[in-house]
């Protein structure tokens, strides 16, 4: 028997603008950032369900194949590569994307005069849409999409709830990260009343790992380094390591959490060689260092506690530059904490 819950969500004018966009437009192109994660996919697919209920036609496009662990999400098989889609779209909604360049090749499908609704929660979002709903208090873009549905007074079915719960769970680290607010848990509880199976989702998305991924974990831990202060730790993943393990880029996700979780470490970093001379850097912090600001300095973005960027150069040179900057941030924030004490 389904239980009813009373939610009192904070909605502002931007939510009304987004809801009006959902209602007013048709033949919509729905986009997320390249190499999409659980929140990106959960939010765009949940929105696709809502829009279809409103009688709208939607086209889902992304630069990269959808990771296997997310293919259980309803409508995940509807994604197309940008080169498979003809023409350009005048009505576009992007989800979980901090800036237009992260849309990759898919941005070529946006008409020059398009109306673009930008739905996101990253503090580094540059508000590249013609309309923008950027809620910095939201833990996940899925939280925002839930509130758009609330604004629209739409009933959420099981398929939509499954997508939303997946995004909430992944962007809060299974409801363990500091962004797990009272509202997040109330929304998650509400989604459970729709029939969502939390164990099946967490087992598929967060607990199950492939054999190549396990081999990569072993190889990456052999590279584990830590600075003299003990507050910065990192791992390195080369293309050779990925190839030897028989893995793919998807298998590398999450390795940054191993150095971050070491006792006494404030910032964990992973350095991944995505191609010769091109290094993807992922940051995770615990309490005081705003890694989103650091990533922004290097041309990337993200959140205060989770962020990333991509740098050109030799691996050793990139590591030296990044570790020096993170070291400055750790020393500065440690000094501020000591002053307060």
Protein backbone atom coordinates (compact mmCIF):
# COMPACT_ATOMS: atom_id res chain seq x y z
CA UNK A 1 0.00 0.00 0.00
CA UNK A 2 1.45 3.36 -1.06
CA UNK A 3 1.95 5.94 1.69
CA UNK A 4 1.31 9.63 1.20
CA UNK A 5 3.94 12.14 2.28
CA UNK A 6 3.63 15.85 2.79
CA UNK A 7 6.45 17.87 1.23
CA UNK A 8 7.03 21.57 1.70
CA UNK A 9 9.59 22.37 -0.97
CA UNK A 10 11.22 25.75 -1.52
CA UNK A 11 10.39 26.97 -5.03
CA UNK A 12 11.32 30.32 -6.57
CA UNK A 13 10.58 32.12 -9.83
CA UNK A 14 13.24 30.11 -11.67
CA UNK A 15 11.28 26.92 -10.96
CA UNK A 16 8.14 28.49 -12.43
CA UNK A 17 10.13 29.55 -15.50
CA UNK A 18 11.43 26.00 -15.94
CA UNK A 19 7.96 24.50 -15.48
CA UNK A 20 6.56 26.95 -18.04
CA UNK A 21 9.32 25.89 -20.46
CA UNK A 22 8.30 22.25 -20.03
CA UNK A 23 4.67 23.11 -20.78
CA UNK A 24 5.16 25.62 -23.58
CA UNK A 25 7.57 23.84 -25.94
CA UNK A 26 7.61 20.67 -28.04
CA UNK A 27 10.12 18.77 -30.20
CA UNK A 28 12.74 19.13 -27.49
CA UNK A 29 16.39 18.15 -27.57
CA UNK A 30 17.53 16.86 -24.16
CA UNK A 31 21.26 16.95 -23.39
CA UNK A 32 23.67 16.17 -20.55
CA UNK A 33 27.42 16.47 -20.19
CA UNK A 34 29.74 14.06 -21.99
CA UNK A 35 30.60 10.85 -20.10
CA UNK A 36 27.35 11.11 -18.11
CA UNK A 37 27.09 9.96 -14.50
CA UNK A 38 24.09 8.82 -12.47
CA UNK A 39 22.74 12.28 -11.72
CA UNK A 40 23.05 13.46 -15.32
CA UNK A 41 21.26 10.37 -16.65
CA UNK A 42 18.72 10.23 -13.85
CA UNK A 43 17.71 13.87 -14.30
CA UNK A 44 17.48 13.88 -18.11
CA UNK A 45 15.59 10.57 -18.23
CA UNK A 46 13.20 11.63 -15.47
CA UNK A 47 12.55 14.86 -17.38
CA UNK A 48 11.97 12.85 -20.56
CA UNK A 49 9.27 10.86 -18.77
CA UNK A 50 7.62 14.02 -17.46
CA UNK A 51 7.69 15.69 -20.88
CA UNK A 52 6.21 12.64 -22.58
CA UNK A 53 3.40 12.67 -20.03
CA UNK A 54 2.80 16.26 -21.10
CA UNK A 55 2.48 15.04 -24.69
CA UNK A 56 5.86 16.35 -25.83
CA UNK A 57 8.28 14.78 -28.30
CA UNK A 58 11.84 14.45 -27.00
CA UNK A 59 15.19 13.49 -28.52
CA UNK A 60 17.94 12.23 -26.21
CA UNK A 61 21.53 12.76 -27.36
CA UNK A 62 24.96 12.29 -25.80
CA UNK A 63 28.51 12.13 -27.14
CA UNK A 64 29.31 8.86 -25.37
CA UNK A 65 27.71 5.42 -25.00
CA UNK A 66 25.69 5.09 -21.80
CA UNK A 67 27.61 3.13 -19.12
CA UNK A 68 26.32 -0.43 -18.79
CA UNK A 69 25.49 -0.02 -15.11
CA UNK A 70 22.91 2.65 -15.98
CA UNK A 71 21.24 0.83 -18.86
CA UNK A 72 18.51 -0.42 -16.50
CA UNK A 73 17.11 3.12 -16.30
CA UNK A 74 13.86 3.45 -18.27
CA UNK A 75 14.46 5.14 -21.68
CA UNK A 76 18.26 4.77 -21.40
CA UNK A 77 18.22 2.84 -24.67
CA UNK A 78 16.75 5.88 -26.45
CA UNK A 79 20.00 7.86 -26.48
CA UNK A 80 21.57 8.64 -29.85
CA UNK A 81 25.00 9.91 -30.81
CA UNK A 82 25.02 13.45 -32.27
CA UNK A 83 26.02 12.17 -35.73
CA UNK A 84 22.89 9.98 -35.78
CA UNK A 85 20.58 12.99 -35.52
CA UNK A 86 19.70 15.18 -38.51
CA UNK A 87 19.05 18.92 -38.31
CA UNK A 88 19.16 21.39 -35.44
CA UNK A 89 16.74 22.07 -32.59
CA UNK A 90 15.14 25.34 -31.57
CA UNK A 91 14.06 24.07 -28.14
CA UNK A 92 16.72 22.52 -25.92
CA UNK A 93 17.09 21.55 -22.26
CA UNK A 94 20.48 20.68 -20.76
CA UNK A 95 20.83 18.89 -17.43
CA UNK A 96 23.71 18.67 -14.94
CA UNK A 97 26.08 20.59 -17.21
CA UNK A 98 28.11 23.51 -15.84
CA UNK A 99 29.01 25.08 -19.18
CA UNK A 100 28.20 24.67 -22.86
CA UNK A 101 31.56 23.16 -23.81
CA UNK A 102 30.84 20.12 -21.63
CA UNK A 103 27.99 19.23 -24.00
CA UNK A 104 30.72 18.28 -26.47
CA UNK A 105 29.74 17.49 -30.06
CA UNK A 106 26.07 17.40 -29.06
CA UNK A 107 26.09 21.20 -28.88
CA UNK A 108 26.28 21.24 -32.69
CA UNK A 109 22.59 20.23 -32.72
CA UNK A 110 21.54 23.47 -31.02
CA UNK A 111 20.21 26.07 -33.46
CA UNK A 112 21.82 29.50 -33.27
CA UNK A 113 18.56 31.14 -32.17
CA UNK A 114 17.48 28.28 -29.89
CA UNK A 115 15.73 28.70 -26.56
CA UNK A 116 17.89 26.72 -24.12
CA UNK A 117 16.84 25.89 -20.58
CA UNK A 118 19.89 25.18 -18.42
CA UNK A 119 19.03 22.99 -15.39
CA UNK A 120 21.92 22.41 -13.01
CA UNK A 121 23.27 22.60 -9.45
CA UNK A 122 27.01 23.23 -9.91
CA UNK A 123 28.42 26.36 -8.28
CA UNK A 124 30.69 26.80 -11.31
CA UNK A 125 27.75 26.96 -13.76
CA UNK A 126 28.16 29.97 -16.06
CA UNK A 127 24.41 30.22 -16.86
CA UNK A 128 24.84 29.61 -20.58
CA UNK A 129 21.13 29.12 -21.25
CA UNK A 130 18.59 31.61 -22.48
CA UNK A 131 16.71 30.50 -19.35
CA UNK A 132 18.56 29.15 -16.33
CA UNK A 133 17.49 27.12 -13.31
CA UNK A 134 20.72 26.74 -11.35
CA UNK A 135 19.91 25.75 -7.77
CA UNK A 136 23.13 25.81 -5.77
CA UNK A 137 21.39 24.41 -2.70
CA UNK A 138 20.40 21.21 -4.52
CA UNK A 139 22.53 18.14 -3.88
CA UNK A 140 21.73 16.77 -7.33
CA UNK A 141 20.08 17.86 -10.55
CA UNK A 142 17.57 15.08 -9.91
CA UNK A 143 16.45 17.02 -6.83
CA UNK A 144 15.73 19.98 -9.13
CA UNK A 145 13.78 17.86 -11.62
CA UNK A 146 11.68 16.45 -8.76
CA UNK A 147 10.85 20.02 -7.74
CA UNK A 148 9.95 20.94 -11.33
CA UNK A 149 7.47 18.06 -11.27
CA UNK A 150 6.20 19.40 -7.96
CA UNK A 151 5.78 22.85 -9.54
CA UNK A 152 3.88 21.25 -12.42
CA UNK A 153 1.75 19.29 -9.92
CA UNK A 154 2.55 16.11 -11.84
CA UNK A 155 2.28 12.63 -10.37
CA UNK A 156 5.59 10.75 -10.45
CA UNK A 157 5.35 7.14 -11.63
CA UNK A 158 7.74 4.28 -10.85
CA UNK A 159 9.92 4.76 -13.94
CA UNK A 160 10.42 8.47 -13.23
CA UNK A 161 11.02 7.77 -9.54
CA UNK A 162 13.67 5.15 -10.37
CA UNK A 163 15.59 7.68 -12.45
CA UNK A 164 15.34 10.39 -9.79
CA UNK A 165 16.35 8.11 -6.93
CA UNK A 166 19.40 6.91 -8.88
CA UNK A 167 20.63 10.48 -9.36
CA UNK A 168 20.02 11.46 -5.75
CA UNK A 169 21.81 8.36 -4.50
CA UNK A 170 24.87 8.70 -6.72
CA UNK A 171 25.46 12.42 -6.18
CA UNK A 172 25.19 12.04 -2.41
CA UNK A 173 27.42 8.96 -2.32
CA UNK A 174 24.60 6.75 -1.14
CA UNK A 175 23.33 9.53 1.15
CA UNK A 176 26.71 9.71 2.93
CA UNK A 177 28.15 13.00 1.66
CA UNK A 178 27.79 16.40 3.33
CA UNK A 179 25.22 17.48 0.71
CA UNK A 180 22.68 15.00 2.14
CA UNK A 181 20.10 17.47 3.44
CA UNK A 182 16.75 16.99 5.10
CA UNK A 183 15.06 17.81 1.79
CA UNK A 184 17.12 15.18 -0.03
CA UNK A 185 16.02 12.49 2.41
CA UNK A 186 12.38 13.60 2.30
CA UNK A 187 12.41 13.42 -1.51
CA UNK A 188 14.12 10.01 -1.42
CA UNK A 189 11.48 8.76 1.02
CA UNK A 190 8.75 10.11 -1.23
CA UNK A 191 10.24 8.23 -4.20
CA UNK A 192 10.21 5.00 -2.19
CA UNK A 193 6.44 5.34 -1.88
CA UNK A 194 6.31 5.03 -5.70
CA UNK A 195 7.75 1.52 -5.51
CA UNK A 196 11.47 2.22 -5.99
CA UNK A 197 13.72 -0.66 -4.90
CA UNK A 198 16.75 0.99 -3.27
CA UNK A 199 18.74 -2.23 -2.83
CA UNK A 200 18.51 -3.16 -6.50
CA UNK A 201 19.67 0.30 -7.56
CA UNK A 202 22.57 0.59 -5.11
CA UNK A 203 23.72 -2.96 -5.88
CA UNK A 204 23.73 -2.30 -9.62
CA UNK A 205 25.23 1.19 -9.51
CA UNK A 206 27.53 1.33 -6.47
CA UNK A 207 28.31 -2.18 -5.21
CA UNK A 208 28.84 -4.33 -8.31
CA UNK A 209 32.25 -3.97 -9.99
CA UNK A 210 33.66 -5.64 -13.09
CA UNK A 211 36.80 -7.78 -13.13
CA UNK A 212 38.73 -5.15 -15.16
CA UNK A 213 37.67 -2.54 -12.60
CA UNK A 214 39.02 -4.69 -9.77
CA UNK A 215 42.33 -5.11 -11.61
CA UNK A 216 42.51 -1.34 -12.07
CA UNK A 217 41.90 -0.76 -8.37
CA UNK A 218 44.83 -3.05 -7.58
CA UNK A 219 47.07 -1.33 -10.11
CA UNK A 220 46.06 2.18 -9.03
CA UNK A 221 46.71 1.46 -5.35
CA UNK A 222 50.28 0.52 -6.29
CA UNK A 223 50.73 4.17 -7.36
CA UNK A 224 49.31 5.65 -4.15
CA UNK A 225 51.23 8.71 -3.01
CA UNK A 226 50.90 11.08 -0.06
CA UNK A 227 52.50 14.42 0.68
CA UNK A 228 54.64 15.15 3.75
CA UNK A 229 51.70 16.68 5.62
CA UNK A 230 49.60 13.56 5.17
CA UNK A 231 46.68 15.72 4.07
CA UNK A 232 46.94 15.12 0.31
CA UNK A 233 46.95 11.69 -1.33
CA UNK A 234 46.66 10.62 -4.94
CA UNK A 235 46.60 7.75 -7.40
CA UNK A 236 47.69 7.60 -11.03
CA UNK A 237 46.03 5.69 -13.87
CA UNK A 238 47.83 5.42 -17.21
CA UNK A 239 46.40 4.26 -20.53
CA UNK A 240 48.65 1.21 -20.32
CA UNK A 241 47.09 0.26 -16.98
CA UNK A 242 43.58 0.52 -18.45
CA UNK A 243 44.57 -1.49 -21.54
CA UNK A 244 46.35 -4.19 -19.50
CA UNK A 245 43.28 -4.62 -17.29
CA UNK A 246 41.05 -4.84 -20.36
CA UNK A 247 39.04 -1.96 -18.97
CA UNK A 248 37.48 1.26 -20.20
CA UNK A 249 37.02 4.80 -18.96
CA UNK A 250 33.94 3.74 -17.02
CA UNK A 251 36.08 1.38 -14.91
CA UNK A 252 38.23 4.29 -13.70
CA UNK A 253 35.34 6.20 -12.10
CA UNK A 254 35.46 6.21 -8.30
CA UNK A 255 39.18 5.47 -7.91
CA UNK A 256 39.68 8.98 -6.51
CA UNK A 257 37.78 7.94 -3.38
CA UNK A 258 40.56 5.59 -2.27
CA UNK A 259 43.12 8.33 -1.53
CA UNK A 260 40.39 10.64 -0.24
CA UNK A 261 39.24 8.07 2.33
CA UNK A 262 42.66 7.65 3.95
CA UNK A 263 42.66 8.81 7.58
CA UNK A 264 44.09 12.32 7.91
CA UNK A 265 43.72 13.13 4.22
CA UNK A 266 41.78 16.31 3.35
CA UNK A 267 42.09 16.13 -0.46
CA UNK A 268 42.20 13.00 -2.60
CA UNK A 269 43.20 13.24 -6.26
CA UNK A 270 43.28 10.88 -9.23
CA UNK A 271 45.39 11.59 -12.30
CA UNK A 272 44.12 9.69 -15.34
CA UNK A 273 45.88 9.67 -18.68
CA UNK A 274 42.90 9.82 -21.05
CA UNK A 275 45.17 10.11 -24.12
CA UNK A 276 48.86 10.96 -24.71
CA UNK A 277 49.51 14.40 -23.23
CA UNK A 278 45.98 14.78 -21.89
CA UNK A 279 45.38 14.22 -18.16
CA UNK A 280 41.98 14.13 -16.46
CA UNK A 281 42.23 15.21 -12.83
CA UNK A 282 39.53 14.37 -10.27
CA UNK A 283 39.41 15.99 -6.83
CA UNK A 284 37.59 15.00 -3.65
CA UNK A 285 37.83 16.84 -0.33
CA UNK A 286 36.45 16.19 3.14
CA UNK A 287 35.91 19.36 5.14
CA UNK A 288 37.61 22.65 4.32
CA UNK A 289 39.19 22.77 0.85
CA UNK A 290 36.96 24.00 -1.99
CA UNK A 291 38.17 21.74 -4.80
CA UNK A 292 35.55 23.21 -7.13
CA UNK A 293 37.39 26.53 -7.02
CA UNK A 294 40.70 24.80 -7.72
CA UNK A 295 39.23 22.89 -10.66
CA UNK A 296 37.81 26.15 -12.02
CA UNK A 297 41.28 27.71 -11.99
CA UNK A 298 42.42 24.84 -14.23
CA UNK A 299 39.51 25.23 -16.64
CA UNK A 300 37.24 22.63 -15.03
CA UNK A 301 34.48 22.82 -12.46
CA UNK A 302 32.27 20.97 -10.03
CA UNK A 303 31.37 21.22 -6.37
CA UNK A 304 33.21 22.29 -3.26
CA UNK A 305 33.83 18.67 -2.29
CA UNK A 306 33.94 16.99 -5.72
CA UNK A 307 35.31 18.47 -8.93
CA UNK A 308 37.51 17.81 -11.93
CA UNK A 309 39.41 19.25 -14.86
CA UNK A 310 41.46 18.15 -17.86
CA UNK A 311 45.00 19.44 -18.44
CA UNK A 312 47.37 19.19 -21.36
CA UNK A 313 50.97 18.13 -20.72
CA UNK A 314 53.17 15.34 -19.49
CA UNK A 315 51.79 13.42 -16.54
CA UNK A 316 54.64 14.33 -14.18
CA UNK A 317 54.38 18.05 -15.02
CA UNK A 318 50.61 18.06 -14.51
CA UNK A 319 50.98 16.29 -11.17
CA UNK A 320 53.61 18.77 -9.99
CA UNK A 321 51.43 21.76 -10.93
CA UNK A 322 48.23 20.38 -9.40
CA UNK A 323 49.83 19.12 -6.20
CA UNK A 324 51.51 22.49 -5.66
CA UNK A 325 48.17 24.31 -5.99
CA UNK A 326 46.32 21.86 -3.74
CA UNK A 327 49.12 22.14 -1.20
CA UNK A 328 48.64 25.91 -1.08
CA UNK A 329 44.89 25.46 -0.53
CA UNK A 330 45.40 22.91 2.25
CA UNK A 331 47.93 25.08 4.07
CA UNK A 332 45.73 28.18 3.73
CA UNK A 333 42.61 26.46 5.01
CA UNK A 334 44.46 24.72 7.81
CA UNK A 335 45.81 28.09 8.95
CA UNK A 336 42.31 29.58 8.95
CA UNK A 337 41.01 26.69 11.05
CA UNK A 338 43.83 27.13 13.58
CA UNK A 339 43.04 30.86 13.83
CA UNK A 340 39.39 30.11 14.58
CA UNK A 341 40.34 27.60 17.24
